[in-house]
Protein backbone atom coordinates (compact mmCIF):
# COMPACT_ATOMS: atom_id res chain seq x y z
CA MET A 1 -13.62 13.65 12.42
CA LYS A 2 -16.66 13.40 10.12
CA ILE A 3 -15.95 11.47 6.92
CA VAL A 4 -18.30 10.83 4.00
CA ILE A 5 -17.33 7.93 1.71
CA LEU A 6 -19.00 7.72 -1.70
CA GLY A 7 -19.13 4.19 -3.11
CA ALA A 8 -19.43 0.87 -1.31
CA GLY A 9 -17.27 -1.14 -3.70
CA GLN A 10 -14.17 -3.04 -2.56
CA VAL A 11 -12.08 0.09 -1.97
CA GLY A 12 -14.97 1.99 -0.35
CA ARG A 13 -15.76 -0.88 2.00
CA THR A 14 -12.09 -1.23 2.96
CA ALA A 15 -11.86 2.51 3.65
CA ALA A 16 -15.02 2.37 5.80
CA HIS A 17 -13.66 -0.64 7.69
CA HIS A 18 -10.35 1.08 8.51
CA LEU A 19 -11.75 4.50 9.34
CA SER A 20 -14.78 3.41 11.37
CA ARG A 21 -12.57 1.39 13.74
CA GLU A 22 -11.04 4.62 15.04
CA GLU A 23 -13.12 6.15 17.82
CA ALA A 24 -12.53 9.73 16.69
CA ASN A 25 -14.20 9.13 13.31
CA GLU A 26 -17.86 9.32 12.32
CA VAL A 27 -18.25 7.61 8.94
CA THR A 28 -21.12 7.79 6.46
CA VAL A 29 -21.18 5.64 3.29
CA VAL A 30 -23.22 6.49 0.18
CA ASP A 31 -24.11 4.03 -2.58
CA THR A 32 -26.97 3.21 -4.94
CA ASN A 33 -26.98 -0.45 -3.85
CA GLU A 34 -29.13 -0.71 -0.73
CA ASP A 35 -28.26 -4.38 -0.17
CA LEU A 36 -24.55 -3.54 0.00
CA LEU A 37 -25.24 -0.71 2.43
CA ARG A 38 -27.39 -2.92 4.63
CA ASP A 39 -24.66 -5.55 4.80
CA LEU A 40 -22.04 -2.91 5.56
CA GLN A 41 -24.12 -1.34 8.33
CA GLU A 42 -24.54 -4.74 10.00
CA ARG A 43 -20.76 -5.19 10.11
CA LEU A 44 -19.59 -1.67 10.97
CA ASP A 45 -20.57 1.23 13.20
CA ILE A 46 -21.43 3.65 10.36
CA ARG A 47 -24.31 5.61 8.82
CA THR A 48 -25.46 4.84 5.28
CA VAL A 49 -27.36 6.81 2.66
CA ALA A 50 -28.78 5.29 -0.54
CA GLY A 51 -28.68 7.38 -3.70
CA ASN A 52 -26.63 8.89 -6.49
CA ALA A 53 -23.39 10.18 -4.97
CA ALA A 54 -23.31 13.28 -7.18
CA TYR A 55 -26.80 14.53 -6.31
CA PRO A 56 -26.85 17.56 -3.99
CA SER A 57 -29.78 16.16 -1.99
CA VAL A 58 -27.93 12.87 -1.38
CA LEU A 59 -24.73 14.66 -0.33
CA GLU A 60 -26.75 16.86 1.99
CA ALA A 61 -28.43 13.82 3.55
CA ALA A 62 -24.99 12.25 4.02
CA GLY A 63 -23.89 15.25 6.07
CA CYS A 64 -21.48 16.95 3.67
CA ALA A 65 -22.27 20.33 5.23
CA GLU A 66 -20.67 19.17 8.50
CA ALA A 67 -18.11 16.74 7.04
CA ASP A 68 -14.38 17.31 7.36
CA ILE A 69 -13.49 15.00 4.46
CA LEU A 70 -15.30 13.71 1.39
CA VAL A 71 -13.81 10.55 -0.16
CA ALA A 72 -15.30 9.80 -3.59
CA LEU A 73 -14.60 6.16 -4.49
CA THR A 74 -17.40 5.20 -6.88
CA SER A 75 -16.59 3.27 -10.06
CA SER A 76 -17.18 6.40 -12.18
CA ASP A 77 -14.49 9.08 -12.50
CA GLU A 78 -17.13 11.55 -13.61
CA VAL A 79 -19.40 10.94 -10.61
CA ASN A 80 -16.43 11.29 -8.26
CA MET A 81 -15.35 14.60 -9.79
CA MET A 82 -18.88 16.00 -9.88
CA ALA A 83 -19.47 15.03 -6.26
CA CYS A 84 -16.33 16.92 -5.22
CA LYS A 85 -17.45 19.98 -7.18
CA VAL A 86 -20.95 19.91 -5.66
CA ALA A 87 -19.54 19.44 -2.15
CA SER A 88 -17.21 22.39 -2.67
CA ILE A 89 -19.81 24.80 -4.06
CA LEU A 90 -22.80 23.92 -1.89
CA PHE A 91 -21.29 22.65 1.35
CA ARG A 92 -17.73 24.03 1.48
CA THR A 93 -16.40 20.59 2.48
CA PRO A 94 -12.76 21.29 3.49
CA THR A 95 -11.00 18.23 1.99
CA LYS A 96 -12.15 16.35 -1.10
CA ILE A 97 -10.44 13.16 -2.29
CA ALA A 98 -11.44 11.38 -5.51
CA ARG A 99 -10.58 8.11 -7.15
CA ILE A 100 -9.76 8.93 -10.77
CA ARG A 101 -8.48 6.22 -13.07
CA SER A 102 -8.48 7.67 -16.58
CA SER A 103 -5.21 9.22 -17.76
CA GLU A 104 -7.34 11.59 -19.86
CA TYR A 105 -7.97 13.42 -16.58
CA THR A 106 -4.92 12.63 -14.45
CA SER A 107 -2.47 13.75 -17.14
CA ARG A 108 -3.87 17.30 -16.86
CA PRO A 109 -3.11 18.62 -13.34
CA GLU A 110 -4.65 22.01 -14.16
CA LEU A 111 -8.04 20.33 -13.84
CA PHE A 112 -7.50 19.63 -10.15
CA THR A 113 -7.54 23.12 -8.73
CA ALA A 114 -10.03 24.90 -6.49
CA GLU A 115 -11.22 26.93 -9.48
CA ALA A 116 -11.68 23.86 -11.70
CA LEU A 117 -12.85 20.47 -10.41
CA SER A 118 -12.31 21.21 -6.70
CA VAL A 119 -10.51 17.88 -6.15
CA ASP A 120 -7.84 18.35 -3.48
CA VAL A 121 -6.28 14.91 -3.91
CA PHE A 122 -6.85 12.30 -6.60
CA ILE A 123 -5.98 8.64 -6.19
CA ASN A 124 -5.38 6.24 -9.05
CA PRO A 125 -5.58 2.67 -7.65
CA GLU A 126 -4.33 1.09 -10.87
CA GLN A 127 -1.18 3.23 -10.85
CA LEU A 128 -0.57 2.57 -7.15
CA VAL A 129 -0.89 -1.20 -7.66
CA THR A 130 1.38 -1.08 -10.73
CA GLU A 131 4.09 0.75 -8.78
CA HIS A 132 3.71 -1.73 -5.90
CA ILE A 133 4.22 -4.74 -8.19
CA GLU A 134 7.10 -3.06 -10.00
CA ARG A 135 8.96 -2.56 -6.70
CA LEU A 136 8.43 -6.23 -5.82
CA ILE A 137 9.99 -7.21 -9.14
CA ARG A 138 12.91 -4.81 -8.71
CA TYR A 139 13.68 -6.38 -5.30
CA PRO A 140 13.44 -10.18 -5.66
CA GLY A 141 12.62 -11.93 -2.40
CA ALA A 142 10.65 -9.02 -0.92
CA LEU A 143 7.01 -9.41 0.14
CA GLN A 144 6.44 -5.65 0.38
CA VAL A 145 8.53 -2.62 -0.57
CA LEU A 146 7.13 0.69 0.71
CA ASP A 147 8.48 4.20 0.18
CA PHE A 148 9.02 6.91 2.78
CA ALA A 149 10.59 10.38 2.49
CA ASP A 150 10.27 10.44 -1.31
CA GLY A 151 11.98 7.07 -1.60
CA ARG A 152 15.06 7.89 0.48
CA VAL A 153 13.96 5.25 3.00
CA ARG A 154 12.07 2.05 2.26
CA LEU A 155 10.27 -0.40 4.52
CA VAL A 156 10.77 -3.94 3.22
CA ALA A 157 9.11 -7.17 4.33
CA VAL A 158 11.01 -10.43 3.74
CA ARG A 159 10.38 -14.07 4.60
CA ALA A 160 13.61 -15.36 6.19
CA VAL A 161 14.91 -18.58 4.60
CA ARG A 162 17.30 -21.12 6.10
CA GLY A 163 20.77 -20.55 4.70
CA GLY A 164 20.60 -16.76 4.78
CA LEU A 165 23.59 -15.25 6.55
CA LEU A 166 21.40 -13.59 9.20
CA VAL A 167 19.08 -16.56 9.76
CA GLY A 168 19.97 -18.20 13.06
CA GLU A 169 21.88 -15.07 14.13
CA CYS A 170 21.05 -12.33 16.64
CA LEU A 171 19.77 -9.00 15.33
CA SER A 172 23.02 -7.42 16.46
CA ALA A 173 24.73 -9.33 13.61
CA LEU A 174 23.03 -6.97 11.14
CA ARG A 175 25.35 -4.16 12.30
CA GLU A 176 28.35 -6.20 11.23
CA ARG A 177 26.91 -6.70 7.75
CA VAL A 178 25.41 -3.24 7.13
CA PRO A 179 26.57 0.14 8.49
CA GLU A 180 24.56 0.94 11.63
CA ASN A 181 22.97 4.05 10.14
CA GLU A 182 21.78 2.36 6.92
CA ALA A 183 19.38 -0.39 8.04
CA ARG A 184 17.29 -1.41 11.03
CA ILE A 185 14.93 -4.30 11.68
CA VAL A 186 11.74 -2.83 13.16
CA ALA A 187 9.48 -5.89 13.47
CA ILE A 188 9.51 -9.68 13.29
CA TYR A 189 6.42 -11.88 13.02
CA ARG A 190 6.73 -15.57 13.84
CA ALA A 191 3.75 -17.85 13.22
CA GLY A 192 1.60 -14.73 12.97
CA ARG A 193 2.75 -13.26 16.30
CA SER A 194 5.02 -10.31 16.91
CA VAL A 195 8.32 -11.05 18.68
CA PRO A 196 10.67 -8.51 20.36
CA THR A 197 13.34 -6.84 18.22
CA ASN A 198 16.22 -6.34 20.63
CA GLY A 199 19.84 -7.15 19.89
CA ASP A 200 19.57 -10.66 21.37
CA THR A 201 16.58 -11.72 19.27
CA VAL A 202 17.47 -14.58 16.92
CA ILE A 203 16.03 -14.58 13.38
CA GLU A 204 14.48 -17.97 12.57
CA HIS A 205 13.60 -19.71 9.31
CA GLY A 206 10.09 -18.63 8.22
CA ASP A 207 10.08 -15.34 10.15
CA GLU A 208 8.43 -12.38 8.43
CA VAL A 209 10.99 -9.61 8.91
CA PHE A 210 10.29 -5.90 8.41
CA PHE A 211 13.32 -3.66 8.04
CA LEU A 212 13.97 -0.02 7.15
CA ALA A 213 16.91 0.77 4.90
CA GLY A 214 18.30 3.32 2.51
CA ARG A 215 17.81 2.34 -1.14
CA ASP A 216 21.43 1.28 -1.61
CA TYR A 217 21.31 -1.32 1.17
CA ILE A 218 17.99 -3.07 0.53
CA ARG A 219 19.40 -5.78 -1.73
CA ARG A 220 22.15 -6.61 0.74
CA VAL A 221 19.76 -7.08 3.67
CA VAL A 222 17.31 -9.11 1.56
CA SER A 223 20.10 -11.39 0.36
CA ASP A 224 21.35 -11.88 3.93
CA LEU A 225 17.88 -13.11 4.92
CA ARG A 226 17.23 -15.28 1.85
CA ARG A 227 20.54 -16.59 0.42
CA GLY A 228 20.37 -14.05 -2.40
CA ASP A 229 17.56 -14.23 -4.98
CA ALA A 230 18.71 -13.88 -8.58
CA PRO A 231 17.68 -10.71 -10.46
CA ILE A 232 14.38 -11.01 -12.31
CA ARG A 233 14.69 -11.01 -16.09
CA ARG A 234 11.75 -12.90 -17.62
CA VAL A 235 8.22 -11.78 -16.66
CA VAL A 236 4.87 -13.11 -17.88
CA ILE A 237 1.77 -10.98 -17.21
CA ALA A 238 -1.72 -12.47 -17.41
CA GLY A 239 -4.25 -9.78 -18.27
CA GLY A 240 -3.96 -6.76 -20.52
CA GLY A 241 -6.24 -4.45 -18.55
CA ASN A 242 -5.14 -1.14 -17.06
CA ILE A 243 -2.79 -2.68 -14.48
CA GLY A 244 -1.37 -5.36 -16.77
CA PHE A 245 -0.71 -2.86 -19.53
CA ARG A 246 0.87 -0.30 -17.18
CA LEU A 247 3.13 -2.96 -15.67
CA ALA A 248 4.23 -4.25 -19.08
CA ARG A 249 5.05 -0.71 -20.19
CA ALA A 250 7.03 -0.04 -16.99
CA LEU A 251 9.08 -3.25 -17.31
CA GLU A 252 9.51 -3.79 -21.04
CA LYS A 253 12.72 -1.78 -21.42
CA SER A 254 14.58 -3.59 -18.63
CA ASN A 255 12.98 -7.07 -18.69
CA GLN A 256 11.83 -9.70 -21.18
CA VAL A 257 8.06 -9.29 -20.92
CA LYS A 258 5.24 -11.37 -22.35
CA LEU A 259 1.61 -10.37 -21.82
CA ILE A 260 -1.29 -12.82 -22.27
CA GLU A 261 -4.70 -11.28 -23.03
CA ARG A 262 -7.85 -13.29 -23.72
CA ASP A 263 -9.79 -10.64 -25.64
CA PRO A 264 -8.43 -10.39 -29.22
CA ARG A 265 -9.32 -6.73 -29.68
CA ARG A 266 -7.73 -5.72 -26.39
CA ALA A 267 -4.66 -7.84 -27.20
CA ARG A 268 -4.30 -6.07 -30.56
CA ARG A 269 -4.67 -2.65 -28.95
CA VAL A 270 -2.11 -3.40 -26.20
CA ALA A 271 0.35 -4.78 -28.79
CA GLU A 272 0.12 -1.50 -30.71
CA LEU A 273 0.90 0.56 -27.58
CA LEU A 274 3.82 -1.51 -26.25
CA GLU A 275 7.27 -1.22 -27.84
CA HIS A 276 9.20 -4.31 -26.75
CA ALA A 277 6.84 -6.62 -24.87
CA ILE A 278 5.37 -9.62 -26.70
CA VAL A 279 1.57 -9.78 -26.56
CA LEU A 280 -0.17 -13.17 -26.88
CA ASN A 281 -3.89 -13.66 -27.48
CA GLY A 282 -4.96 -16.59 -25.31
CA ASP A 283 -6.04 -17.92 -21.92
CA ALA A 284 -3.40 -17.69 -19.17
CA ALA A 285 -4.96 -20.77 -17.54
CA ASP A 286 -4.32 -22.82 -20.72
CA GLU A 287 -1.68 -25.39 -19.74
CA GLU A 288 -0.57 -25.98 -23.35
CA LEU A 289 -0.04 -22.26 -23.92
CA LEU A 290 2.06 -21.87 -20.77
CA ILE A 291 4.20 -24.90 -21.64
CA GLU A 292 4.64 -23.61 -25.19
CA GLU A 293 5.84 -20.29 -23.80
CA ASN A 294 8.42 -22.02 -21.57
CA ILE A 295 6.78 -21.06 -18.29
CA ASP A 296 9.35 -23.19 -16.42
CA SER A 297 12.06 -20.66 -17.27
CA VAL A 298 10.03 -17.61 -16.18
CA ASP A 299 11.25 -15.67 -13.15
CA VAL A 300 7.89 -14.08 -12.29
CA PHE A 301 4.32 -14.82 -13.39
CA VAL A 302 1.82 -12.08 -12.45
CA ALA A 303 -1.92 -12.72 -12.81
CA LEU A 304 -3.75 -9.39 -13.18
CA THR A 305 -7.05 -10.17 -14.92
CA ASN A 306 -10.41 -8.82 -13.77
CA SER A 307 -11.37 -12.28 -12.44
CA GLU A 308 -9.79 -13.20 -9.14
CA GLU A 309 -10.71 -16.87 -9.70
CA ALA A 310 -8.84 -16.81 -13.02
CA ASN A 311 -5.89 -15.13 -11.31
CA ILE A 312 -5.72 -17.80 -8.61
CA LEU A 313 -6.04 -20.70 -11.06
CA SER A 314 -3.52 -19.38 -13.61
CA ALA A 315 -0.98 -18.50 -10.90
CA MET A 316 -1.29 -21.94 -9.29
CA LEU A 317 -0.92 -23.60 -12.68
CA ALA A 318 2.13 -21.48 -13.57
CA LYS A 319 3.74 -22.42 -10.25
CA ARG A 320 3.06 -26.14 -10.83
CA LEU A 321 4.58 -25.90 -14.30
CA GLY A 322 7.81 -24.43 -12.94
CA ALA A 323 7.51 -20.61 -12.76
CA HIS A 324 9.97 -19.47 -10.10
CA LYS A 325 7.67 -16.94 -8.42
CA VAL A 326 3.97 -16.23 -8.91
CA MET A 327 1.78 -13.31 -7.86
CA ALA A 328 -1.98 -12.91 -8.13
CA LEU A 329 -4.28 -9.91 -7.86
CA ILE A 330 -6.87 -10.73 -5.18
CA ASN A 331 -9.76 -8.37 -4.48
CA LYS A 332 -10.97 -10.09 -1.33
CA PRO A 333 -8.36 -9.33 1.39
CA SER A 334 -9.62 -12.30 3.42
CA TYR A 335 -8.47 -14.60 0.62
CA ALA A 336 -4.96 -13.22 0.46
CA GLU A 337 -3.51 -14.80 3.60
CA LEU A 338 -5.03 -18.19 2.80
CA ILE A 339 -3.64 -18.10 -0.74
CA GLU A 340 -0.12 -17.08 0.29
CA SER A 341 0.09 -20.11 2.57
CA GLY A 342 -0.28 -22.31 -0.53
CA SER A 343 1.48 -22.29 -3.88
CA ILE A 344 1.01 -18.57 -4.63
CA ASP A 345 3.98 -16.54 -3.39
CA ILE A 346 2.39 -13.09 -3.13
CA ALA A 347 -1.28 -12.08 -3.11
CA ILE A 348 -1.73 -8.47 -4.15
CA SER A 349 -4.70 -6.65 -2.61
CA PRO A 350 -5.59 -3.39 -4.41
CA GLN A 351 -7.53 -2.27 -1.34
CA THR A 352 -4.53 -2.67 0.97
CA VAL A 353 -2.27 -0.83 -1.48
CA THR A 354 -4.77 2.01 -1.98
CA ILE A 355 -5.87 2.54 1.63
CA GLY A 356 -2.51 4.01 2.64
CA SER A 357 -2.98 6.92 0.24
CA LEU A 358 -6.35 7.64 1.83
CA LEU A 359 -5.15 7.33 5.41
CA ALA A 360 -2.35 9.84 4.87
CA HIS A 361 -5.00 12.53 4.26
CA VAL A 362 -7.24 11.47 7.14
CA ARG A 363 -4.68 11.15 9.94
CA ARG A 364 -4.41 14.01 12.42
CA GLY A 365 -1.07 15.66 13.04
CA ASP A 366 1.25 16.26 10.10
CA VAL A 367 1.20 12.71 8.72
CA VAL A 368 2.49 12.70 5.16
CA ARG A 369 2.55 8.98 4.35
CA VAL A 370 0.80 5.88 5.67
CA HIS A 371 1.16 2.23 4.72
CA SER A 372 -1.22 -0.48 5.89
CA LEU A 373 0.56 -3.73 6.77
CA ARG A 374 -0.37 -7.33 7.49
CA ARG A 375 -3.91 -7.04 6.09
CA GLY A 376 -4.55 -3.85 8.08
CA ALA A 377 -3.48 -5.18 11.49
CA ALA A 378 -0.26 -3.10 11.55
CA GLU A 379 0.70 0.27 10.14
CA ALA A 380 3.74 2.34 9.30
CA LEU A 381 3.55 6.10 9.00
CA GLU A 382 5.74 9.11 8.32
CA ALA A 383 4.99 12.12 10.50
CA VAL A 384 6.62 15.55 10.65
CA ALA A 385 7.73 16.85 14.05
CA HIS A 386 6.71 20.47 14.74
CA GLY A 387 7.10 22.95 17.55
CA SER A 388 9.70 23.39 20.27
CA PRO A 389 10.76 21.34 23.32
CA SER A 390 8.23 23.29 25.40
CA SER A 391 5.28 22.85 23.02
CA SER A 392 5.87 19.42 21.46
CA ARG A 393 5.77 15.92 22.91
CA VAL A 394 8.61 14.77 20.63
CA VAL A 395 10.80 17.74 19.60
CA GLY A 396 13.97 18.03 21.68
CA ARG A 397 13.46 14.59 23.21
CA ARG A 398 15.48 11.42 22.82
CA VAL A 399 13.64 8.37 21.52
CA GLN A 400 13.93 6.62 24.90
CA ASP A 401 12.22 9.59 26.61
CA ILE A 402 9.15 9.60 24.34
CA ARG A 403 6.13 7.78 25.77
CA LEU A 404 5.36 5.37 22.96
CA PRO A 405 2.50 2.87 23.28
CA GLU A 406 3.43 -0.80 23.54
CA GLY A 407 4.38 -2.26 20.16
CA VAL A 408 5.19 1.15 18.65
CA SER A 409 8.74 1.99 17.61
CA ILE A 410 10.48 4.87 15.90
CA GLY A 411 12.53 3.28 13.13
CA ALA A 412 14.15 6.13 11.22
CA ILE A 413 14.38 9.91 11.01
CA VAL A 414 14.90 11.88 7.82
CA ARG A 415 16.52 15.24 8.47
CA GLY A 416 16.83 17.15 5.21
CA GLU A 417 18.77 14.81 2.93
CA THR A 418 20.20 12.80 5.85
CA VAL A 419 18.69 9.46 6.88
CA ILE A 420 19.19 8.46 10.53
CA MET A 421 18.32 4.97 11.77
CA ALA A 422 16.93 5.77 15.21
CA ASN A 423 18.30 4.36 18.46
CA ARG A 424 17.48 5.10 22.08
CA ASP A 425 19.70 8.20 22.19
CA THR A 426 18.57 9.78 18.91
CA GLU A 427 17.09 13.24 19.50
CA ILE A 428 14.20 14.47 17.38
CA ARG A 429 14.36 18.01 16.03
CA ALA A 430 11.72 20.31 14.57
CA GLY A 431 11.14 19.52 10.90
CA ASP A 432 12.30 15.91 11.17
CA HIS A 433 10.32 13.31 9.23
CA VAL A 434 9.84 10.47 11.71
CA ILE A 435 9.02 6.97 10.49
CA VAL A 436 6.97 5.06 13.05
CA PHE A 437 6.08 1.36 13.01
CA LEU A 438 2.93 0.17 14.83
CA ASN A 439 2.54 -3.55 15.52
CA ASP A 440 -1.07 -2.83 16.46
CA ARG A 441 -2.88 -0.11 14.53
CA ARG A 442 -5.23 0.45 17.49
CA HIS A 443 -2.50 2.76 18.82
CA VAL A 444 -2.78 5.09 15.81
CA GLU A 445 -4.64 7.83 17.73
CA ALA A 446 -2.03 7.87 20.51
CA VAL A 447 0.75 8.26 17.92
CA GLU A 448 -1.18 11.00 16.11
CA ARG A 449 -1.47 12.98 19.36
CA LEU A 450 2.31 12.87 19.79
CA PHE A 451 2.76 14.71 16.50
CA LEU A 452 -0.04 17.27 16.81
CA GLY A 453 1.41 20.76 16.59
CA PRO A 454 0.70 23.29 19.37
CA SER A 455 -2.10 24.93 17.38
CA SER A 456 -3.85 21.61 16.69
CA ARG A 457 -4.46 20.54 20.27
């Protein structure tokens, strides 16, 4: 598949890194910064083109005439939209994806038609990150909460803590606590390594446990792994930018929210737009301010400023002063794992959150949702089964009869409104939405081939 990526910023580089690692993809990256492109080309097996991403000559040089997908990820909404329009008119590029952040555009869906802006899919990273953080706050104790099948099934990552009812028990004990068809543990990582997930596997303190569950059973499984975290009531947000403001607006009706913004004009503007949240003008890394605002009684402190250094420092300070849980927005994915091993509970990577939305439109087969896990090493995807027993590799077959690569498991099946936690004897039918967990994302192509319809082979 030929893919042209416009923009070599953090999201563009992450997209190039993920997509170029798959043998079937030929990736070209366009940016005005030649130094960035040179560095990227040294690290990855890609082509690069220097120039304005909206110029026809630059898009032609990047190979838009032969490209299957154009992914416009520059920092400018207008450049991204214009590039999609040019690619549609001049090169008939089949699929055009654009990063668009301004609600002035995204609130008007009539703009995103073939006759208008020619954007097939738009992605708003700020909104995706906001929703990601909001789910983490709604489910205390979770490291990740990811939606499948329009939210009917969720994949949750939890760090097991000594004292939890399931810690020290075999996986089979989960069936006694939760109805068999409502939850299933699909992966366990211990000291960074994957361990088997059969009925005899014992959950240990410190394990990173991934489980699939219906919405009504998530809290029960999390509490069984962590002794039950109290509901989150008090939230302090550092940073009143797009993400901080969106999060405050999403939480202010159900939580006690305080937002700290350094810029006085921005603080005044955010205060005018929020109804219940308290907005403070100040520095979130100011120890006196945090003590004055009773940071030791805060359930969650979330650092969301534009400076990742400020996020790290303020989150570490809030934790030292007694905040129960702290999160920090980290743009460099390589930092995230190092930071989480210290005093910061959760490092939020916008690139990791955003890449799943891109991958869902790049995957072959009928893949409708993709989530990147463990800094891109693992992946979970939702694919639709098509065809008949004679034409499909999965339809009409039991899970145990499907040739899955090592480290790949089918966790759940959504059939209409019914959620089925898969076991060895579960049979897949045409139209089923199948949720697949991959311990090693290098097996993505093999999984995609399983779900290619007869006409796609």
